[in-house]
């Protein structure tokens, strides 16, 4: 299963864990995905995974 937003395409990013001693190890920043039902133009519903930011934008614009 892909951890990717179906609307914006936002996916995992990579970075570093930085300790107090300034040791760096790789880590992943995963997007905040939510599973929601969206009604399409023909009246059917589809379950999609979208990021929380896109969900907020959709609720603002509707």
N, C-alpha and C. Protein backbone atom coordinates (compact mmCIF):
# COMPACT_ATOMS: atom_id res chain seq x y z
N UNK A 1 0.85 -1.18 0.00
CA UNK A 1 0.00 0.00 0.00
C UNK A 1 0.89 1.24 0.00
N UNK A 2 0.60 2.13 -0.92
CA UNK A 2 1.41 3.33 -1.07
C UNK A 2 1.00 4.39 -0.06
N UNK A 3 1.96 5.00 0.58
CA UNK A 3 1.67 6.11 1.51
C UNK A 3 1.77 7.41 0.72
N UNK A 4 0.76 7.64 -0.13
CA UNK A 4 0.78 8.79 -1.00
C UNK A 4 -0.63 9.36 -1.10
N UNK A 5 -0.75 10.68 -1.06
CA UNK A 5 -2.03 11.36 -1.18
C UNK A 5 -2.51 11.21 -2.61
N UNK A 6 -3.79 10.82 -2.79
CA UNK A 6 -4.29 10.60 -4.14
C UNK A 6 -4.63 11.90 -4.85
N UNK A 7 -4.70 13.03 -4.15
CA UNK A 7 -5.02 14.31 -4.78
C UNK A 7 -3.75 15.11 -5.04
N UNK A 8 -2.97 15.35 -4.01
CA UNK A 8 -1.79 16.20 -4.16
C UNK A 8 -0.54 15.43 -4.53
N UNK A 9 -0.53 14.12 -4.33
CA UNK A 9 0.66 13.32 -4.61
C UNK A 9 1.72 13.40 -3.54
N UNK A 10 1.37 13.98 -2.40
CA UNK A 10 2.33 14.12 -1.30
C UNK A 10 2.70 12.74 -0.76
N UNK A 11 4.00 12.49 -0.59
CA UNK A 11 4.48 11.20 -0.12
C UNK A 11 5.51 11.36 0.98
N UNK A 12 6.18 10.28 1.35
CA UNK A 12 7.17 10.34 2.42
C UNK A 12 8.38 11.20 2.03
N UNK A 13 8.92 11.89 3.02
CA UNK A 13 10.15 12.65 2.84
C UNK A 13 11.20 12.03 3.75
N UNK A 14 12.47 12.30 3.45
CA UNK A 14 13.55 11.75 4.27
C UNK A 14 14.30 12.89 4.94
N UNK A 15 14.88 12.57 6.09
CA UNK A 15 15.64 13.56 6.84
C UNK A 15 16.53 12.84 7.84
N UNK A 16 16.94 13.56 8.85
CA UNK A 16 17.85 13.01 9.85
C UNK A 16 17.26 13.12 11.24
N UNK A 17 17.44 12.07 12.06
CA UNK A 17 17.30 12.19 13.50
C UNK A 17 18.61 12.78 14.00
N UNK A 18 18.55 13.84 14.76
CA UNK A 18 19.76 14.48 15.27
C UNK A 18 19.73 14.38 16.78
N UNK A 19 20.71 13.68 17.35
CA UNK A 19 20.76 13.50 18.80
C UNK A 19 21.40 14.72 19.46
N UNK A 20 21.40 14.71 20.77
CA UNK A 20 22.01 15.80 21.52
C UNK A 20 23.51 15.87 21.25
N UNK A 21 24.11 14.70 20.96
CA UNK A 21 25.54 14.65 20.63
C UNK A 21 25.79 14.92 19.15
N UNK A 22 24.74 15.35 18.43
CA UNK A 22 24.80 15.71 17.00
C UNK A 22 25.09 14.51 16.12
N UNK A 23 24.72 13.30 16.59
CA UNK A 23 24.79 12.12 15.73
C UNK A 23 23.58 12.14 14.81
N UNK A 24 23.79 11.80 13.55
CA UNK A 24 22.70 11.85 12.58
C UNK A 24 22.42 10.45 12.04
N UNK A 25 21.15 10.05 12.09
CA UNK A 25 20.70 8.81 11.48
C UNK A 25 19.49 9.13 10.61
N UNK A 26 19.33 8.37 9.54
CA UNK A 26 18.25 8.65 8.59
C UNK A 26 16.89 8.30 9.20
N UNK A 27 15.86 9.07 8.81
CA UNK A 27 14.49 8.81 9.23
C UNK A 27 13.56 9.21 8.11
N UNK A 28 12.28 8.84 8.24
CA UNK A 28 11.27 9.17 7.23
C UNK A 28 10.19 10.01 7.89
N UNK A 29 9.73 11.02 7.16
CA UNK A 29 8.60 11.82 7.57
C UNK A 29 7.41 11.37 6.73
N UNK A 30 6.43 10.70 7.35
CA UNK A 30 5.28 10.20 6.61
C UNK A 30 4.18 11.24 6.58
N UNK A 31 3.43 11.33 5.48
CA UNK A 31 2.33 12.30 5.40
C UNK A 31 1.18 11.87 6.30
N UNK A 32 0.40 12.85 6.75
CA UNK A 32 -0.74 12.61 7.63
C UNK A 32 -1.94 12.24 6.76
N UNK A 33 -2.08 10.94 6.44
CA UNK A 33 -3.12 10.48 5.52
C UNK A 33 -4.39 10.11 6.27
N UNK A 34 -5.52 10.42 5.65
CA UNK A 34 -6.84 10.08 6.17
C UNK A 34 -7.60 9.36 5.07
N UNK A 35 -8.36 8.36 5.44
CA UNK A 35 -9.20 7.63 4.49
C UNK A 35 -10.60 8.21 4.55
N UNK A 36 -11.07 8.79 3.43
CA UNK A 36 -12.38 9.44 3.40
C UNK A 36 -13.16 8.94 2.19
N UNK A 37 -14.48 9.06 2.27
CA UNK A 37 -15.34 8.74 1.14
C UNK A 37 -15.66 10.02 0.39
N UNK A 38 -15.50 10.00 -0.93
CA UNK A 38 -15.77 11.16 -1.77
C UNK A 38 -16.87 10.77 -2.75
N UNK A 39 -17.89 11.62 -2.88
CA UNK A 39 -18.94 11.36 -3.86
C UNK A 39 -18.51 11.92 -5.21
N UNK A 40 -18.62 11.10 -6.24
CA UNK A 40 -18.22 11.49 -7.58
C UNK A 40 -19.39 12.16 -8.30
N UNK A 41 -19.15 12.63 -9.54
CA UNK A 41 -20.16 13.34 -10.29
C UNK A 41 -21.37 12.47 -10.62
N UNK A 42 -21.14 11.18 -10.81
CA UNK A 42 -22.26 10.29 -11.17
C UNK A 42 -23.03 9.78 -9.95
N UNK A 43 -22.70 10.26 -8.77
CA UNK A 43 -23.43 9.90 -7.56
C UNK A 43 -22.84 8.75 -6.77
N UNK A 44 -21.85 8.07 -7.30
CA UNK A 44 -21.23 6.97 -6.58
C UNK A 44 -20.20 7.51 -5.60
N UNK A 45 -19.88 6.71 -4.60
CA UNK A 45 -18.88 7.11 -3.62
C UNK A 45 -17.64 6.26 -3.79
N UNK A 46 -16.49 6.85 -3.50
CA UNK A 46 -15.22 6.15 -3.60
C UNK A 46 -14.39 6.49 -2.38
N UNK A 47 -13.72 5.49 -1.83
CA UNK A 47 -12.86 5.70 -0.67
C UNK A 47 -11.45 5.99 -1.16
N UNK A 48 -10.91 7.14 -0.74
CA UNK A 48 -9.57 7.54 -1.15
C UNK A 48 -8.77 7.95 0.08
N UNK A 49 -7.46 7.91 -0.07
CA UNK A 49 -6.57 8.37 1.00
C UNK A 49 -6.04 9.74 0.60
N UNK A 50 -6.32 10.74 1.43
CA UNK A 50 -5.84 12.09 1.17
C UNK A 50 -5.15 12.61 2.42
N UNK A 51 -4.28 13.58 2.23
CA UNK A 51 -3.58 14.17 3.37
C UNK A 51 -4.53 15.07 4.14
N UNK A 52 -4.21 15.31 5.39
CA UNK A 52 -5.06 16.13 6.25
C UNK A 52 -5.13 17.56 5.74
N UNK A 53 -4.07 18.05 5.13
CA UNK A 53 -4.06 19.40 4.57
C UNK A 53 -5.04 19.51 3.41
N UNK A 54 -5.06 18.50 2.53
CA UNK A 54 -5.99 18.51 1.39
C UNK A 54 -7.43 18.36 1.87
N UNK A 55 -7.64 17.57 2.92
CA UNK A 55 -8.99 17.42 3.47
C UNK A 55 -9.50 18.75 4.03
N UNK A 56 -8.63 19.48 4.67
CA UNK A 56 -9.00 20.79 5.19
C UNK A 56 -9.33 21.77 4.05
N UNK A 57 -8.53 21.72 2.99
CA UNK A 57 -8.77 22.58 1.84
C UNK A 57 -10.08 22.24 1.16
N UNK A 58 -10.38 20.94 1.03
CA UNK A 58 -11.63 20.51 0.40
C UNK A 58 -12.83 20.97 1.22
N UNK A 59 -12.75 20.85 2.53
CA UNK A 59 -13.87 21.27 3.37
C UNK A 59 -14.03 22.78 3.36
N UNK A 60 -12.95 23.52 3.19
CA UNK A 60 -13.01 24.97 3.11
C UNK A 60 -13.68 25.42 1.83
N UNK A 61 -13.38 24.77 0.72
CA UNK A 61 -13.87 25.18 -0.59
C UNK A 61 -15.26 24.64 -0.92
N UNK A 62 -15.76 23.69 -0.15
CA UNK A 62 -17.08 23.12 -0.48
C UNK A 62 -18.19 23.74 0.32
